[in-house]
């Protein structure tokens, strides 16, 4: 699957609501280490705040957000079907993460896994200025941070995020990361 950008998957009104619910939730892990990678690497995932919802082969930790994520998957599948693009639908992994400005150590080039899965990164901050940076890259292709948008790609593809470059005036760069399988 070639990386696909879908804009306005989440409406502005819904995005403001869900952003406040996510940011205000219990269960954030400050260390942000979600799991070891399953390929040779000296890196661990994300060294910033993470709200883990579901990890591979583990119980669901936040059922309300899990259901929300699964509903987003079906919404994305409808958008993609209009373009005649198929997507998997079983939610295997889901978490939210925050990136602060000036924290380049939070991002590095990596794969989500070497399995036959697809990854979805959604931009969950309701207000974002382009000069704040925070873009996302898949196999060298740049996707600017646009509120409510999603990037869908094969989990085997190398990708990385970009930390915000300037003061974001209390808006956190919040992303939703999901991996889906057949």
Protein backbone atom coordinates (compact mmCIF):
# COMPACT_ATOMS: atom_id res chain seq x y z
CA UNK A 1 0.00 0.00 0.00
CA UNK A 2 1.35 3.40 -1.00
CA UNK A 3 0.96 5.86 1.91
CA UNK A 4 -2.40 7.63 1.76
CA UNK A 5 -3.36 10.95 3.32
CA UNK A 6 -7.00 11.47 4.26
CA UNK A 7 -7.95 14.96 5.33
CA UNK A 8 -10.85 15.89 7.63
CA UNK A 9 -11.46 12.37 8.91
CA UNK A 10 -12.50 13.99 12.19
CA UNK A 11 -14.55 17.19 12.15
CA UNK A 12 -13.28 20.26 13.98
CA UNK A 13 -16.04 20.07 16.60
CA UNK A 14 -15.38 16.36 17.29
CA UNK A 15 -11.64 16.99 17.38
CA UNK A 16 -11.94 19.69 20.07
CA UNK A 17 -14.13 17.37 22.15
CA UNK A 18 -11.97 14.25 21.84
CA UNK A 19 -8.70 16.19 22.32
CA UNK A 20 -9.90 17.44 25.70
CA UNK A 21 -11.07 13.94 26.67
CA UNK A 22 -7.72 12.40 25.71
CA UNK A 23 -5.52 15.05 27.33
CA UNK A 24 -7.59 14.90 30.54
CA UNK A 25 -7.62 11.10 30.77
CA UNK A 26 -6.05 9.03 33.50
CA UNK A 27 -3.50 6.44 32.50
CA UNK A 28 -0.82 8.50 30.76
CA UNK A 29 2.60 6.91 31.04
CA UNK A 30 5.31 9.53 31.32
CA UNK A 31 8.17 7.30 30.19
CA UNK A 32 6.28 6.52 27.02
CA UNK A 33 8.10 3.26 26.31
CA UNK A 34 5.36 1.10 24.85
CA UNK A 35 7.21 -2.07 23.85
CA UNK A 36 10.53 -3.28 22.42
CA UNK A 37 10.82 -3.33 18.64
CA UNK A 38 10.77 -6.71 16.86
CA UNK A 39 13.69 -5.95 14.55
CA UNK A 40 17.37 -5.11 15.19
CA UNK A 41 17.54 -1.63 16.73
CA UNK A 42 19.12 0.16 19.65
CA UNK A 43 16.01 2.32 20.03
CA UNK A 44 12.82 1.91 22.01
CA UNK A 45 9.58 3.57 21.01
CA UNK A 46 8.70 7.10 22.03
CA UNK A 47 10.29 8.63 25.09
CA UNK A 48 7.42 11.00 25.85
CA UNK A 49 3.92 10.79 27.28
CA UNK A 50 1.83 7.94 25.91
CA UNK A 51 -1.71 6.81 26.65
CA UNK A 52 -1.76 3.12 25.85
CA UNK A 53 -5.19 1.82 24.83
CA UNK A 54 -4.38 -1.63 23.38
CA UNK A 55 -1.13 -3.46 22.81
CA UNK A 56 -0.64 -6.56 20.70
CA UNK A 57 -1.96 -9.75 22.34
CA UNK A 58 -2.76 -7.93 25.59
CA UNK A 59 -6.06 -6.96 27.19
CA UNK A 60 -7.70 -3.67 26.25
CA UNK A 61 -6.67 -1.00 28.76
CA UNK A 62 -9.22 1.69 27.89
CA UNK A 63 -12.36 0.24 26.35
CA UNK A 64 -13.99 3.58 25.54
CA UNK A 65 -11.00 4.78 23.50
CA UNK A 66 -10.68 1.30 21.94
CA UNK A 67 -14.25 1.56 20.64
CA UNK A 68 -13.57 5.09 19.40
CA UNK A 69 -10.46 3.85 17.56
CA UNK A 70 -12.34 0.96 16.00
CA UNK A 71 -15.07 3.36 14.81
CA UNK A 72 -12.37 5.57 13.23
CA UNK A 73 -11.04 2.53 11.39
CA UNK A 74 -14.46 1.91 9.82
CA UNK A 75 -14.75 5.61 8.95
CA UNK A 76 -11.32 5.51 7.28
CA UNK A 77 -12.26 2.31 5.41
CA UNK A 78 -15.28 4.16 3.95
CA UNK A 79 -13.07 7.06 2.81
CA UNK A 80 -10.64 4.61 1.21
CA UNK A 81 -13.35 2.56 -0.50
CA UNK A 82 -14.32 5.70 -2.43
CA UNK A 83 -10.75 5.64 -3.80
CA UNK A 84 -10.93 1.86 -4.40
CA UNK A 85 -8.28 1.21 -1.73
CA UNK A 86 -8.68 -1.65 0.74
CA UNK A 87 -7.62 -1.64 4.37
CA UNK A 88 -7.50 -4.14 7.22
CA UNK A 89 -10.01 -3.72 10.04
CA UNK A 90 -8.92 -5.59 13.19
CA UNK A 91 -7.40 -3.18 15.71
CA UNK A 92 -4.23 -4.77 17.04
CA UNK A 93 -2.48 -1.84 18.71
CA UNK A 94 -3.56 1.68 19.69
CA UNK A 95 -2.07 4.53 21.65
CA UNK A 96 -2.01 8.31 21.83
CA UNK A 97 1.27 10.16 22.20
CA UNK A 98 2.40 13.72 22.82
CA UNK A 99 5.47 15.40 21.37
CA UNK A 100 6.85 18.61 22.83
CA UNK A 101 8.79 21.25 20.94
CA UNK A 102 12.54 20.81 20.89
CA UNK A 103 12.42 17.09 21.76
CA UNK A 104 14.10 15.50 18.73
CA UNK A 105 14.95 12.47 20.87
CA UNK A 106 11.28 11.49 20.66
CA UNK A 107 11.49 10.69 16.95
CA UNK A 108 13.66 8.40 14.88
CA UNK A 109 13.26 6.41 11.72
CA UNK A 110 11.59 3.06 12.46
CA UNK A 111 9.10 0.43 11.33
CA UNK A 112 6.04 -0.45 13.40
CA UNK A 113 6.68 -4.14 12.73
CA UNK A 114 7.64 -6.65 10.05
CA UNK A 115 4.19 -8.27 9.90
CA UNK A 116 1.41 -8.01 7.32
CA UNK A 117 -0.27 -5.07 9.05
CA UNK A 118 -1.12 -1.48 8.27
CA UNK A 119 -0.46 1.57 10.39
CA UNK A 120 -2.58 4.67 10.86
CA UNK A 121 -1.29 7.93 12.30
CA UNK A 122 -3.94 10.53 13.03
CA UNK A 123 -3.28 14.17 13.84
CA UNK A 124 -5.44 14.83 16.90
CA UNK A 125 -4.57 18.41 17.88
CA UNK A 126 -7.55 20.62 16.95
CA UNK A 127 -5.54 23.77 16.18
CA UNK A 128 -2.16 23.78 14.47
CA UNK A 129 -0.09 26.40 12.63
CA UNK A 130 2.12 25.13 9.81
CA UNK A 131 5.15 27.08 11.10
CA UNK A 132 5.01 24.90 14.24
CA UNK A 133 6.26 22.02 12.02
CA UNK A 134 5.40 18.58 13.51
CA UNK A 135 5.16 16.82 10.13
CA UNK A 136 5.17 13.07 9.62
CA UNK A 137 7.33 11.20 7.11
CA UNK A 138 6.76 7.77 5.55
CA UNK A 139 9.57 6.40 3.40
CA UNK A 140 10.78 9.97 2.86
CA UNK A 141 7.37 11.38 1.88
CA UNK A 142 6.30 14.37 3.97
CA UNK A 143 2.80 14.71 5.44
CA UNK A 144 2.21 18.05 7.14
CA UNK A 145 0.44 18.02 10.49
CA UNK A 146 -3.18 18.89 9.68
CA UNK A 147 -5.79 18.56 12.43
CA UNK A 148 -8.21 15.68 11.91
CA UNK A 149 -6.18 14.06 9.13
CA UNK A 150 -4.84 10.50 8.90
CA UNK A 151 -1.92 8.83 7.14
CA UNK A 152 -2.36 5.14 6.33
CA UNK A 153 0.61 2.99 5.28
CA UNK A 154 2.12 -0.50 5.49
CA UNK A 155 3.60 -1.07 8.95
CA UNK A 156 6.84 -2.32 7.33
CA UNK A 157 7.49 1.16 5.88
CA UNK A 158 10.08 3.26 7.64
CA UNK A 159 8.60 6.41 9.15
CA UNK A 160 9.27 9.13 11.69
CA UNK A 161 7.66 12.18 13.18
CA UNK A 162 8.98 15.70 13.47
CA UNK A 163 8.94 17.50 16.79
CA UNK A 164 7.28 20.90 16.88
CA UNK A 165 9.88 23.54 16.13
CA UNK A 166 8.50 26.53 17.97
CA UNK A 167 6.29 27.38 20.92
CA UNK A 168 2.87 25.87 20.35
CA UNK A 169 1.07 27.98 22.95
CA UNK A 170 -0.10 25.07 25.12
CA UNK A 171 -1.31 22.98 22.17
CA UNK A 172 0.27 19.55 22.42
CA UNK A 173 1.24 17.69 19.23
CA UNK A 174 -1.11 14.80 19.89
CA UNK A 175 -1.19 11.83 17.54
CA UNK A 176 -3.16 8.62 17.54
CA UNK A 177 -1.19 5.58 16.43
CA UNK A 178 -3.02 2.41 15.40
CA UNK A 179 -1.96 -0.84 13.81
CA UNK A 180 -4.58 -2.99 12.09
CA UNK A 181 -4.44 -6.56 10.77
CA UNK A 182 -6.66 -8.83 8.67
